[in-house]
C-alpha cells in the first residue's frame, strides 16, 4: 500500500486535493520506505482522512488518527507540526 508524506503546509494539500491536482512537495511512500522511517525512529503522524462511513465499512489501522477530509480544515490544530505527516 502506498501512502503519501507531506513535509509542508496541510493547506496546500487540501487545496491541491480538492482540485484533483498533484500535491506539491508530497512524496509517495512504499511499505519499505515507511519501515525505514520507523526504524530510524522518525516522528510520524498517521492521518486517515476517510469519512466515518468508510471507516465503518473498511476498518482502519491502529495508530492512525481519523480526521475526515470534510473536517480537516477546522481540525488542523490536532495535527502536530513537529512530525512528518503520513496520510492515507
PDB file of N, CA and C in Angstrom:
ATOM      1  N   UNK A   1       0.839  -1.165   0.000  1.00  0.00           N
ATOM      2  CA  UNK A   1       0.000   0.000   0.000  1.00  0.00           C
ATOM      3  C   UNK A   1       0.892   1.240   0.000  1.00  0.00           C
ATOM      4  N   UNK A   2       0.590   2.178  -0.842  1.00  0.00           N
ATOM      5  CA  UNK A   2       1.355   3.411  -0.949  1.00  0.00           C
ATOM      6  C   UNK A   2       0.678   4.492  -0.104  1.00  0.00           C
ATOM      7  N   UNK A   3       1.453   5.196   0.660  1.00  0.00           N
ATOM      8  CA  UNK A   3       0.969   6.333   1.443  1.00  0.00           C
ATOM      9  C   UNK A   3       1.709   7.560   0.952  1.00  0.00           C
ATOM     10  N   UNK A   4       1.216   8.714   1.294  1.00  0.00           N
ATOM     11  CA  UNK A   4       1.881   9.952   0.925  1.00  0.00           C
ATOM     12  C   UNK A   4       2.376  10.646   2.185  1.00  0.00           C
ATOM     13  N   UNK A   5       3.528  11.259   2.083  1.00  0.00           N
ATOM     14  CA  UNK A   5       4.031  12.045   3.191  1.00  0.00           C
ATOM     15  C   UNK A   5       4.024  13.508   2.787  1.00  0.00           C
ATOM     16  N   UNK A   6       3.739  14.361   3.724  1.00  0.00           N
ATOM     17  CA  UNK A   6       3.559  15.777   3.457  1.00  0.00           C
ATOM     18  C   UNK A   6       4.452  16.615   4.366  1.00  0.00           C
ATOM     19  N   UNK A   7       5.648  16.952   3.927  1.00  0.00           N
ATOM     20  CA  UNK A   7       6.520  17.782   4.766  1.00  0.00           C
ATOM     21  C   UNK A   7       6.308  19.266   4.485  1.00  0.00           C
ATOM     22  N   UNK A   8       5.079  19.734   4.472  1.00  0.00           N
ATOM     23  CA  UNK A   8       4.767  21.108   4.102  1.00  0.00           C
ATOM     24  C   UNK A   8       3.407  21.472   4.662  1.00  0.00           C
ATOM     25  N   UNK A   9       2.913  22.599   4.313  1.00  0.00           N
ATOM     26  CA  UNK A   9       1.629  23.076   4.826  1.00  0.00           C
ATOM     27  C   UNK A   9       0.473  22.182   4.393  1.00  0.00           C
ATOM     28  N   UNK A  10      -0.335  21.780   5.344  1.00  0.00           N
ATOM     29  CA  UNK A  10      -1.501  20.959   5.031  1.00  0.00           C
ATOM     30  C   UNK A  10      -2.509  21.746   4.205  1.00  0.00           C
ATOM     31  N   UNK A  11      -2.491  23.089   4.303  1.00  0.00           N
ATOM     32  CA  UNK A  11      -3.395  23.895   3.477  1.00  0.00           C
ATOM     33  C   UNK A  11      -3.118  23.658   1.997  1.00  0.00           C
ATOM     34  N   UNK A  12      -1.853  23.520   1.627  1.00  0.00           N
ATOM     35  CA  UNK A  12      -1.505  23.245   0.229  1.00  0.00           C
ATOM     36  C   UNK A  12      -2.073  21.898  -0.192  1.00  0.00           C
ATOM     37  N   UNK A  13      -2.041  20.927   0.694  1.00  0.00           N
ATOM     38  CA  UNK A  13      -2.571  19.599   0.389  1.00  0.00           C
ATOM     39  C   UNK A  13      -4.079  19.651   0.192  1.00  0.00           C
ATOM     40  N   UNK A  14      -4.761  20.386   1.052  1.00  0.00           N
ATOM     41  CA  UNK A  14      -6.217  20.495   0.934  1.00  0.00           C
ATOM     42  C   UNK A  14      -6.586  21.143  -0.392  1.00  0.00           C
ATOM     43  N   UNK A  15      -5.926  22.242  -0.705  1.00  0.00           N
ATOM     44  CA  UNK A  15      -6.236  22.960  -1.943  1.00  0.00           C
ATOM     45  C   UNK A  15      -5.962  22.098  -3.168  1.00  0.00           C
ATOM     46  N   UNK A  16      -4.833  21.421  -3.184  1.00  0.00           N
ATOM     47  CA  UNK A  16      -4.475  20.609  -4.343  1.00  0.00           C
ATOM     48  C   UNK A  16      -5.398  19.400  -4.477  1.00  0.00           C
ATOM     49  N   UNK A  17      -5.682  18.728  -3.363  1.00  0.00           N
ATOM     50  CA  UNK A  17      -6.516  17.536  -3.464  1.00  0.00           C
ATOM     51  C   UNK A  17      -7.952  17.881  -3.822  1.00  0.00           C
ATOM     52  N   UNK A  18      -8.416  19.040  -3.396  1.00  0.00           N
ATOM     53  CA  UNK A  18      -9.782  19.471  -3.737  1.00  0.00           C
ATOM     54  C   UNK A  18      -9.915  19.705  -5.232  1.00  0.00           C
ATOM     55  N   UNK A  19      -8.821  20.012  -5.893  1.00  0.00           N
ATOM     56  CA  UNK A  19      -8.848  20.282  -7.329  1.00  0.00           C
ATOM     57  C   UNK A  19      -8.321  19.099  -8.136  1.00  0.00           C
ATOM     58  N   UNK A  20      -8.107  17.968  -7.482  1.00  0.00           N
ATOM     59  CA  UNK A  20      -7.559  16.770  -8.129  1.00  0.00           C
ATOM     60  C   UNK A  20      -6.264  17.070  -8.878  1.00  0.00           C
ATOM     61  N   UNK A  21      -5.409  17.874  -8.254  1.00  0.00           N
ATOM     62  CA  UNK A  21      -4.107  18.206  -8.829  1.00  0.00           C
ATOM     63  C   UNK A  21      -3.026  17.501  -8.037  1.00  0.00           C
ATOM     64  N   UNK A  22      -1.860  17.301  -8.650  1.00  0.00           N
ATOM     65  CA  UNK A  22      -0.744  16.756  -7.871  1.00  0.00           C
ATOM     66  C   UNK A  22      -0.434  17.685  -6.696  1.00  0.00           C
ATOM     67  N   UNK A  23      -0.058  17.114  -5.589  1.00  0.00           N
ATOM     68  CA  UNK A  23       0.214  17.899  -4.397  1.00  0.00           C
ATOM     69  C   UNK A  23       1.701  18.232  -4.348  1.00  0.00           C
ATOM     70  N   UNK A  24       2.050  19.522  -4.426  1.00  0.00           N
ATOM     71  CA  UNK A  24       3.461  19.900  -4.423  1.00  0.00           C
ATOM     72  C   UNK A  24       4.134  19.494  -3.118  1.00  0.00           C
ATOM     73  N   UNK A  25       5.289  18.892  -3.216  1.00  0.00           N
ATOM     74  CA  UNK A  25       6.049  18.506  -2.037  1.00  0.00           C
ATOM     75  C   UNK A  25       5.673  17.153  -1.461  1.00  0.00           C
ATOM     76  N   UNK A  26       4.577  16.564  -1.929  1.00  0.00           N
ATOM     77  CA  UNK A  26       4.164  15.256  -1.419  1.00  0.00           C
ATOM     78  C   UNK A  26       5.025  14.174  -2.050  1.00  0.00           C
ATOM     79  N   UNK A  27       5.283  13.150  -1.287  1.00  0.00           N
ATOM     80  CA  UNK A  27       6.088  12.034  -1.739  1.00  0.00           C
ATOM     81  C   UNK A  27       5.320  10.750  -1.506  1.00  0.00           C
ATOM     82  N   UNK A  28       5.326   9.872  -2.487  1.00  0.00           N
ATOM     83  CA  UNK A  28       4.718   8.558  -2.256  1.00  0.00           C
ATOM     84  C   UNK A  28       5.674   7.734  -1.407  1.00  0.00           C
ATOM     85  N   UNK A  29       5.106   6.971  -0.510  1.00  0.00           N
ATOM     86  CA  UNK A  29       5.888   6.202   0.447  1.00  0.00           C
ATOM     87  C   UNK A  29       5.482   4.741   0.368  1.00  0.00           C
ATOM     88  N   UNK A  30       6.434   3.893   0.033  1.00  0.00           N
ATOM     89  CA  UNK A  30       6.163   2.452  -0.033  1.00  0.00           C
ATOM     90  C   UNK A  30       6.228   1.862   1.371  1.00  0.00           C
ATOM     91  N   UNK A  31       5.818   0.630   1.498  1.00  0.00           N
ATOM     92  CA  UNK A  31       5.898  -0.057   2.790  1.00  0.00           C
ATOM     93  C   UNK A  31       7.348  -0.136   3.249  1.00  0.00           C
ATOM     94  N   UNK A  32       8.281  -0.398   2.321  1.00  0.00           N
ATOM     95  CA  UNK A  32       9.700  -0.449   2.680  1.00  0.00           C
ATOM     96  C   UNK A  32      10.198   0.917   3.148  1.00  0.00           C
ATOM     97  N   UNK A  33       9.758   1.970   2.461  1.00  0.00           N
ATOM     98  CA  UNK A  33      10.140   3.320   2.857  1.00  0.00           C
ATOM     99  C   UNK A  33       9.614   3.667   4.237  1.00  0.00           C
ATOM    100  N   UNK A  34       8.383   3.270   4.513  1.00  0.00           N
ATOM    101  CA  UNK A  34       7.803   3.503   5.831  1.00  0.00           C
ATOM    102  C   UNK A  34       8.577   2.744   6.898  1.00  0.00           C
ATOM    103  N   UNK A  35       8.937   1.502   6.603  1.00  0.00           N
ATOM    104  CA  UNK A  35       9.703   0.714   7.568  1.00  0.00           C
ATOM    105  C   UNK A  35      11.032   1.389   7.884  1.00  0.00           C
ATOM    106  N   UNK A  36      11.691   1.928   6.873  1.00  0.00           N
ATOM    107  CA  UNK A  36      12.974   2.613   7.101  1.00  0.00           C
ATOM    108  C   UNK A  36      12.791   3.822   8.016  1.00  0.00           C
ATOM    109  N   UNK A  37      11.720   4.595   7.790  1.00  0.00           N
ATOM    110  CA  UNK A  37      11.455   5.743   8.658  1.00  0.00           C
ATOM    111  C   UNK A  37      11.176   5.294  10.091  1.00  0.00           C
ATOM    112  N   UNK A  38      10.415   4.217  10.235  1.00  0.00           N
ATOM    113  CA  UNK A  38      10.119   3.693  11.569  1.00  0.00           C
ATOM    114  C   UNK A  38      11.382   3.181  12.247  1.00  0.00           C
ATOM    115  N   UNK A  39      12.240   2.506  11.480  1.00  0.00           N
ATOM    116  CA  UNK A  39      13.499   2.000  12.032  1.00  0.00           C
ATOM    117  C   UNK A  39      14.414   3.141  12.495  1.00  0.00           C
ATOM    118  N   UNK A  40      14.354   4.269  11.780  1.00  0.00           N
ATOM    119  CA  UNK A  40      15.165   5.440  12.137  1.00  0.00           C
ATOM    120  C   UNK A  40      14.519   6.243  13.259  1.00  0.00           C
ATOM    121  N   UNK A  41      13.343   5.804  13.690  1.00  0.00           N
ATOM    122  CA  UNK A  41      12.589   6.469  14.752  1.00  0.00           C
ATOM    123  C   UNK A  41      12.227   7.911  14.399  1.00  0.00           C
ATOM    124  N   UNK A  42      11.932   8.147  13.108  1.00  0.00           N
ATOM    125  CA  UNK A  42      11.432   9.448  12.666  1.00  0.00           C
ATOM    126  C   UNK A  42      10.048   9.637  13.272  1.00  0.00           C
ATOM    127  N   UNK A  43       9.783  10.828  13.794  1.00  0.00           N
ATOM    128  CA  UNK A  43       8.468  11.096  14.384  1.00  0.00           C
ATOM    129  C   UNK A  43       7.449  11.252  13.260  1.00  0.00           C
ATOM    130  N   UNK A  44       6.459  10.353  13.257  1.00  0.00           N
ATOM    131  CA  UNK A  44       5.440  10.326  12.212  1.00  0.00           C
ATOM    132  C   UNK A  44       4.065  10.549  12.828  1.00  0.00           C
ATOM    133  N   UNK A  45       3.186  11.151  12.052  1.00  0.00           N
ATOM    134  CA  UNK A  45       1.784  11.299  12.428  1.00  0.00           C
ATOM    135  C   UNK A  45       0.964  10.669  11.314  1.00  0.00           C
ATOM    136  N   UNK A  46       0.230   9.618  11.653  1.00  0.00           N
ATOM    137  CA  UNK A  46      -0.559   8.887  10.663  1.00  0.00           C
ATOM    138  C   UNK A  46      -1.981   9.451  10.645  1.00  0.00           C
ATOM    139  N   UNK A  47      -2.370   9.961   9.485  1.00  0.00           N
ATOM    140  CA  UNK A  47      -3.669  10.613   9.340  1.00  0.00           C
ATOM    141  C   UNK A  47      -4.540   9.853   8.343  1.00  0.00           C
ATOM    142  N   UNK A  48      -5.712   9.478   8.786  1.00  0.00           N
ATOM    143  CA  UNK A  48      -6.699   8.818   7.942  1.00  0.00           C
ATOM    144  C   UNK A  48      -7.795   9.841   7.671  1.00  0.00           C
ATOM    145  N   UNK A  49      -7.953  10.258   6.414  1.00  0.00           N
ATOM    146  CA  UNK A  49      -8.898  11.333   6.089  1.00  0.00           C
ATOM    147  C   UNK A  49     -10.236  10.817   5.556  1.00  0.00           C
ATOM    148  N   UNK A  50     -10.485   9.532   5.704  1.00  0.00           N
ATOM    149  CA  UNK A  50     -11.753   8.988   5.226  1.00  0.00           C
ATOM    150  C   UNK A  50     -12.901   9.391   6.137  1.00  0.00           C
ATOM    151  N   UNK A  51     -14.093   9.368   5.587  1.00  0.00           N
ATOM    152  CA  UNK A  51     -15.308   9.696   6.326  1.00  0.00           C
ATOM    153  C   UNK A  51     -15.693   8.510   7.219  1.00  0.00           C
ATOM    154  N   UNK A  52     -16.454   8.761   8.296  1.00  0.00           N
ATOM    155  CA  UNK A  52     -16.824   7.695   9.237  1.00  0.00           C
ATOM    156  C   UNK A  52     -17.451   6.468   8.567  1.00  0.00           C
ATOM    157  N   UNK A  53     -18.292   6.671   7.557  1.00  0.00           N
ATOM    158  CA  UNK A  53     -18.929   5.538   6.881  1.00  0.00           C
ATOM    159  C   UNK A  53     -17.872   4.633   6.234  1.00  0.00           C
ATOM    160  N   UNK A  54     -16.845   5.232   5.649  1.00  0.00           N
ATOM    161  CA  UNK A  54     -15.766   4.449   5.032  1.00  0.00           C
ATOM    162  C   UNK A  54     -14.988   3.671   6.089  1.00  0.00           C
ATOM    163  N   UNK A  55     -14.735   4.289   7.224  1.00  0.00           N
ATOM    164  CA  UNK A  55     -14.030   3.620   8.322  1.00  0.00           C
ATOM    165  C   UNK A  55     -14.856   2.425   8.795  1.00  0.00           C
ATOM    166  N   UNK A  56     -16.164   2.646   8.950  1.00  0.00           N
ATOM    167  CA  UNK A  56     -17.067   1.594   9.406  1.00  0.00           C
ATOM    168  C   UNK A  56     -17.067   0.415   8.438  1.00  0.00           C
ATOM    169  N   UNK A  57     -17.081   0.704   7.145  1.00  0.00           N
ATOM    170  CA  UNK A  57     -17.138  -0.355   6.135  1.00  0.00           C
ATOM    171  C   UNK A  57     -15.800  -1.060   5.933  1.00  0.00           C
ATOM    172  N   UNK A  58     -14.716  -0.297   5.954  1.00  0.00           N
ATOM    173  CA  UNK A  58     -13.418  -0.845   5.575  1.00  0.00           C
ATOM    174  C   UNK A  58     -12.447  -1.038   6.727  1.00  0.00           C
ATOM    175  N   UNK A  59     -12.736  -0.435   7.871  1.00  0.00           N
ATOM    176  CA  UNK A  59     -11.835  -0.539   9.005  1.00  0.00           C
ATOM    177  C   UNK A  59     -10.680   0.446   8.880  1.00  0.00           C
ATOM    178  N   UNK A  60      -9.804   0.408   9.869  1.00  0.00           N
ATOM    179  CA  UNK A  60      -8.649   1.297   9.881  1.00  0.00           C
ATOM    180  C   UNK A  60      -7.462   0.553  10.467  1.00  0.00           C
ATOM    181  N   UNK A  61      -6.375   1.248  10.622  1.00  0.00           N
ATOM    182  CA  UNK A  61      -5.141   0.663  11.147  1.00  0.00           C
ATOM    183  C   UNK A  61      -4.872   1.309  12.501  1.00  0.00           C
ATOM    184  N   UNK A  62      -4.504   0.509  13.490  1.00  0.00           N
ATOM    185  CA  UNK A  62      -4.168   1.051  14.807  1.00  0.00           C
ATOM    186  C   UNK A  62      -3.087   2.107  14.659  1.00  0.00           C
ATOM    187  N   UNK A  63      -3.268   3.197  15.369  1.00  0.00           N
ATOM    188  CA  UNK A  63      -2.275   4.264  15.344  1.00  0.00           C
ATOM    189  C   UNK A  63      -2.622   5.407  14.407  1.00  0.00           C
ATOM    190  N   UNK A  64      -3.539   5.175  13.477  1.00  0.00           N
ATOM    191  CA  UNK A  64      -3.972   6.247  12.580  1.00  0.00           C
ATOM    192  C   UNK A  64      -4.975   7.127  13.311  1.00  0.00           C
ATOM    193  N   UNK A  65      -4.881   8.422  13.107  1.00  0.00           N
ATOM    194  CA  UNK A  65      -5.845   9.366  13.650  1.00  0.00           C
ATOM    195  C   UNK A  65      -6.813   9.698  12.520  1.00  0.00           C
ATOM    196  N   UNK A  66      -8.096   9.547  12.791  1.00  0.00           N
ATOM    197  CA  UNK A  66      -9.092   9.841  11.763  1.00  0.00           C
ATOM    198  C   UNK A  66      -9.589  11.260  11.914  1.00  0.00           C
ATOM    199  N   UNK A  67      -9.332  12.066  10.893  1.00  0.00           N
ATOM    200  CA  UNK A  67      -9.919  13.393  10.757  1.00  0.00           C
ATOM    201  C   UNK A  67     -10.505  13.411   9.355  1.00  0.00           C
ATOM    202  N   UNK A  68     -11.818  13.243   9.231  1.00  0.00           N
ATOM    203  CA  UNK A  68     -12.436  13.202   7.905  1.00  0.00           C
ATOM    204  C   UNK A  68     -12.064  14.434   7.083  1.00  0.00           C
ATOM    205  N   UNK A  69     -11.870  14.237   5.803  1.00  0.00           N
ATOM    206  CA  UNK A  69     -11.466  15.328   4.916  1.00  0.00           C
ATOM    207  C   UNK A  69     -12.436  16.503   5.018  1.00  0.00           C
ATOM    208  N   UNK A  70     -13.706  16.225   5.260  1.00  0.00           N
ATOM    209  CA  UNK A  70     -14.696  17.296   5.371  1.00  0.00           C
ATOM    210  C   UNK A  70     -14.502  18.145   6.628  1.00  0.00           C
ATOM    211  N   UNK A  71     -13.734  17.645   7.607  1.00  0.00           N
ATOM    212  CA  UNK A  71     -13.491  18.364   8.856  1.00  0.00           C
ATOM    213  C   UNK A  71     -12.055  18.852   8.982  1.00  0.00           C
ATOM    214  N   UNK A  72     -11.230  18.511   8.021  1.00  0.00           N
ATOM    215  CA  UNK A  72      -9.794  18.725   8.154  1.00  0.00           C
ATOM    216  C   UNK A  72      -9.428  20.178   8.421  1.00  0.00           C
ATOM    217  N   UNK A  73      -9.963  21.079   7.651  1.00  0.00           N
ATOM    218  CA  UNK A  73      -9.579  22.485   7.815  1.00  0.00           C
ATOM    219  C   UNK A  73      -9.896  22.995   9.223  1.00  0.00           C
ATOM    220  N   UNK A  74     -11.030  22.596   9.776  1.00  0.00           N
ATOM    221  CA  UNK A  74     -11.405  23.080  11.107  1.00  0.00           C
ATOM    222  C   UNK A  74     -10.684  22.345  12.231  1.00  0.00           C
ATOM    223  N   UNK A  75      -9.991  21.262  11.917  1.00  0.00           N
ATOM    224  CA  UNK A  75      -9.313  20.470  12.951  1.00  0.00           C
ATOM    225  C   UNK A  75      -7.793  20.432  12.771  1.00  0.00           C
ATOM    226  N   UNK A  76      -7.257  21.360  12.007  1.00  0.00           N
ATOM    227  CA  UNK A  76      -5.816  21.375  11.739  1.00  0.00           C
ATOM    228  C   UNK A  76      -4.977  21.437  13.008  1.00  0.00           C
ATOM    229  N   UNK A  77      -5.488  22.056  14.069  1.00  0.00           N
ATOM    230  CA  UNK A  77      -4.724  22.169  15.303  1.00  0.00           C
ATOM    231  C   UNK A  77      -4.420  20.811  15.919  1.00  0.00           C
ATOM    232  N   UNK A  78      -5.112  19.757  15.495  1.00  0.00           N
ATOM    233  CA  UNK A  78      -4.886  18.415  16.019  1.00  0.00           C
ATOM    234  C   UNK A  78      -3.695  17.721  15.356  1.00  0.00           C
ATOM    235  N   UNK A  79      -3.174  18.310  14.293  1.00  0.00           N
ATOM    236  CA  UNK A  79      -2.045  17.714  13.572  1.00  0.00           C
ATOM    237  C   UNK A  79      -0.759  18.338  14.080  1.00  0.00           C
ATOM    238  N   UNK A  80       0.123  17.524  14.650  1.00  0.00           N
ATOM    239  CA  UNK A  80       1.364  18.090  15.197  1.00  0.00           C
ATOM    240  C   UNK A  80       2.244  18.682  14.083  1.00  0.00           C
ATOM    241  N   UNK A  81       2.874  19.789  14.411  1.00  0.00           N
ATOM    242  CA  UNK A  81       3.743  20.450  13.447  1.00  0.00           C
ATOM    243  C   UNK A  81       5.158  19.898  13.461  1.00  0.00           C
ATOM    244  N   UNK A  82       5.483  19.104  14.479  1.00  0.00           N
ATOM    245  CA  UNK A  82       6.838  18.602  14.619  1.00  0.00           C
ATOM    246  C   UNK A  82       6.985  17.138  14.161  1.00  0.00           C
ATOM    247  N   UNK A  83       6.018  16.657  13.393  1.00  0.00           N
ATOM    248  CA  UNK A  83       6.060  15.280  12.912  1.00  0.00           C
ATOM    249  C   UNK A  83       5.853  15.258  11.404  1.00  0.00           C
ATOM    250  N   UNK A  84       6.387  14.228  10.786  1.00  0.00           N
ATOM    251  CA  UNK A  84       6.173  14.013   9.360  1.00  0.00           C
ATOM    252  C   UNK A  84       4.777  13.428   9.185  1.00  0.00           C
ATOM    253  N   UNK A  85       3.971  14.053   8.359  1.00  0.00           N
ATOM    254  CA  UNK A  85       2.581  13.637   8.167  1.00  0.00           C
ATOM    255  C   UNK A  85       2.497  12.527   7.132  1.00  0.00           C
ATOM    256  N   UNK A  86       1.929  11.403   7.518  1.00  0.00           N
ATOM    257  CA  UNK A  86       1.696  10.285   6.614  1.00  0.00           C
ATOM    258  C   UNK A  86       0.187  10.150   6.499  1.00  0.00           C
ATOM    259  N   UNK A  87      -0.351  10.413   5.305  1.00  0.00           N
ATOM    260  CA  UNK A  87      -1.797  10.415   5.126  1.00  0.00           C
ATOM    261  C   UNK A  87      -2.223   9.323   4.180  1.00  0.00           C
ATOM    262  N   UNK A  88      -3.390   8.784   4.458  1.00  0.00           N
ATOM    263  CA  UNK A  88      -3.909   7.751   3.592  1.00  0.00           C
ATOM    264  C   UNK A  88      -5.405   7.719   3.657  1.00  0.00           C
TER     265      UNK A  88
END
